[in-house]
Amino acid sequence: MIEFTRKNVREMSEEIADVLNKYGFKNTGFRAAGASFYGSECTFKIQANIQERAEGVKSIGEAALENMARMHDLSLERLPCGRKLVEFKRRNHTYPFIYDGGPEGRRKCSLTSAKHRFGI
C-alpha cells in the first residue's frame, strides 16, 4: 500500500471496530468513524457507547429534561393523545424540547409550545 484510499481506509475502520468490540469492555460498543487521510497518514475517531445502562442512570438529556420540567411545571407522563416529553437539548435554543408524538414519531418544540402541550 503506497497511500491511503477511501476503500482501504473504510476496510481498516471496520477492522479496528471489530477488534475493539472483540477485546474491549463488556456492554460497550465501539465504532471507528470520521477517518481523515492524506498521503501516507490516516487519523481515526473512535466512539464508544455504553449499550446497557445501569438501573437508575440517566443520560444528560433525560436529567436536563427532569430539571426543566420541574422548573416550568411540565408533565413527564404520557398524555391521553399519546404524546410524551422524552428529551431536552440544552444547546438548541429555539426548539429544545423533544417529545414522542405517538404515530407521528419524535418532534421538537419550543418552551412556549411545551408549556401549552405539557403544562400542569
Protein backbone atom coordinates (compact mmCIF):
# COMPACT_ATOMS: atom_id res chain seq x y z
CA MET A 1 0.00 0.00 0.00
CA ILE A 2 1.66 3.21 -1.16
CA GLU A 3 -1.00 5.64 0.07
CA PHE A 4 -4.46 5.52 1.61
CA THR A 5 -7.63 5.39 -0.46
CA ARG A 6 -11.28 5.57 0.56
CA LYS A 7 -11.69 1.85 0.12
CA ASN A 8 -8.79 0.70 2.26
CA VAL A 9 -9.50 3.34 4.95
CA ARG A 10 -13.08 2.07 5.19
CA GLU A 11 -11.81 -1.52 5.49
CA MET A 12 -9.33 -0.51 8.20
CA SER A 13 -12.12 1.32 10.04
CA GLU A 14 -14.25 -1.83 10.08
CA GLU A 15 -11.32 -3.96 11.25
CA ILE A 16 -10.48 -1.54 14.07
CA ALA A 17 -14.10 -1.57 15.24
CA ASP A 18 -14.19 -5.39 15.12
CA VAL A 19 -11.00 -5.70 17.19
CA LEU A 20 -12.21 -3.17 19.77
CA ASN A 21 -15.60 -4.87 20.04
CA LYS A 22 -13.93 -8.26 20.45
CA TYR A 23 -11.34 -7.26 23.06
CA GLY A 24 -12.93 -4.13 24.54
CA PHE A 25 -15.04 -3.66 27.64
CA LYS A 26 -18.28 -5.53 28.30
CA ASN A 27 -21.54 -3.75 27.38
CA THR A 28 -19.63 -1.22 25.27
CA GLY A 29 -19.95 -0.81 21.52
CA PHE A 30 -17.09 0.72 19.57
CA ARG A 31 -17.09 2.47 16.22
CA ALA A 32 -14.18 3.88 14.25
CA ALA A 33 -15.59 6.80 12.30
CA GLY A 34 -14.62 10.15 10.90
CA ALA A 35 -11.39 8.98 9.31
CA SER A 36 -9.30 11.57 7.57
CA PHE A 37 -6.32 10.72 5.41
CA TYR A 38 -3.77 12.37 3.21
CA GLY A 39 -0.93 10.59 1.51
CA SER A 40 0.69 8.20 3.96
CA GLU A 41 -1.09 9.42 7.11
CA CYS A 42 -4.52 8.41 8.39
CA THR A 43 -6.40 9.52 11.54
CA PHE A 44 -9.46 7.81 13.07
CA LYS A 45 -12.00 8.97 15.64
CA ILE A 46 -13.10 6.15 17.90
CA GLN A 47 -16.55 6.34 19.51
CA ALA A 48 -17.56 4.17 22.46
CA ASN A 49 -21.18 3.78 23.56
CA ILE A 50 -22.44 2.00 26.66
CA GLN A 51 -25.08 -0.39 25.39
CA GLU A 52 -26.82 -1.19 28.68
CA ARG A 53 -27.05 1.50 31.32
CA ALA A 54 -27.23 0.56 34.97
CA GLU A 55 -30.64 0.91 36.55
CA GLY A 56 -31.34 4.49 37.63
CA VAL A 57 -28.58 6.03 35.49
CA LYS A 58 -29.91 8.77 33.23
CA SER A 59 -28.49 10.38 30.12
CA ILE A 60 -27.62 14.09 30.14
CA GLY A 61 -30.73 14.85 28.06
CA GLU A 62 -33.03 12.94 30.41
CA ALA A 63 -31.59 14.61 33.51
CA ALA A 64 -31.88 18.05 31.88
CA LEU A 65 -35.49 17.29 30.91
CA GLU A 66 -36.39 16.45 34.51
CA ASN A 67 -34.84 19.69 35.76
CA MET A 68 -36.56 21.83 33.11
CA ALA A 69 -39.90 20.08 33.67
CA ARG A 70 -39.63 20.82 37.38
CA MET A 71 -38.69 24.47 36.69
CA HIS A 72 -41.55 25.10 34.24
CA ASP A 73 -44.24 22.81 35.75
CA LEU A 74 -44.35 20.38 32.81
CA SER A 75 -45.77 16.86 32.97
CA LEU A 76 -43.43 13.97 32.12
CA GLU A 77 -46.30 11.46 31.95
CA ARG A 78 -47.74 10.26 28.64
CA LEU A 79 -50.80 12.30 27.70
CA PRO A 80 -54.08 10.70 26.54
CA CYS A 81 -53.33 11.82 22.97
CA GLY A 82 -50.14 9.71 23.04
CA ARG A 83 -47.57 12.48 23.41
CA LYS A 84 -44.74 12.42 25.97
CA LEU A 85 -41.71 14.62 26.62
CA VAL A 86 -38.59 12.49 26.17
CA GLU A 87 -35.53 14.77 25.96
CA PHE A 88 -34.21 18.30 26.45
CA LYS A 89 -31.39 19.56 24.22
CA ARG A 90 -29.54 22.32 26.06
CA ARG A 91 -27.75 23.72 23.01
CA ASN A 92 -30.85 24.00 20.84
CA HIS A 93 -32.20 27.37 21.95
CA THR A 94 -35.14 27.61 19.54
CA TYR A 95 -36.66 24.11 19.94
CA PRO A 96 -35.03 22.48 22.98
CA PHE A 97 -37.82 20.04 23.93
CA ILE A 98 -38.18 16.70 22.14
CA TYR A 99 -41.42 14.77 22.50
CA ASP A 100 -42.69 11.45 21.24
CA GLY A 101 -45.74 12.23 19.15
CA GLY A 102 -47.04 8.66 19.05
CA PRO A 103 -47.60 7.57 15.43
CA GLU A 104 -46.14 10.88 14.22
CA GLY A 105 -42.69 9.98 15.62
CA ARG A 106 -40.37 12.25 17.56
CA ARG A 107 -40.95 16.00 17.27
CA LYS A 108 -39.27 19.11 18.67
CA CYS A 109 -40.94 22.15 20.23
CA SER A 110 -40.19 25.45 21.93
CA LEU A 111 -40.64 26.24 25.61
CA THR A 112 -43.90 28.08 24.87
CA SER A 113 -45.23 25.14 22.90
CA ALA A 114 -44.11 22.68 25.60
CA LYS A 115 -45.94 24.73 28.26
CA HIS A 116 -49.07 24.73 26.09
CA ARG A 117 -48.95 20.97 25.39
CA PHE A 118 -47.50 19.56 28.63
CA GLY A 119 -48.24 22.22 31.28
CA ILE A 120 -49.72 21.07 34.55
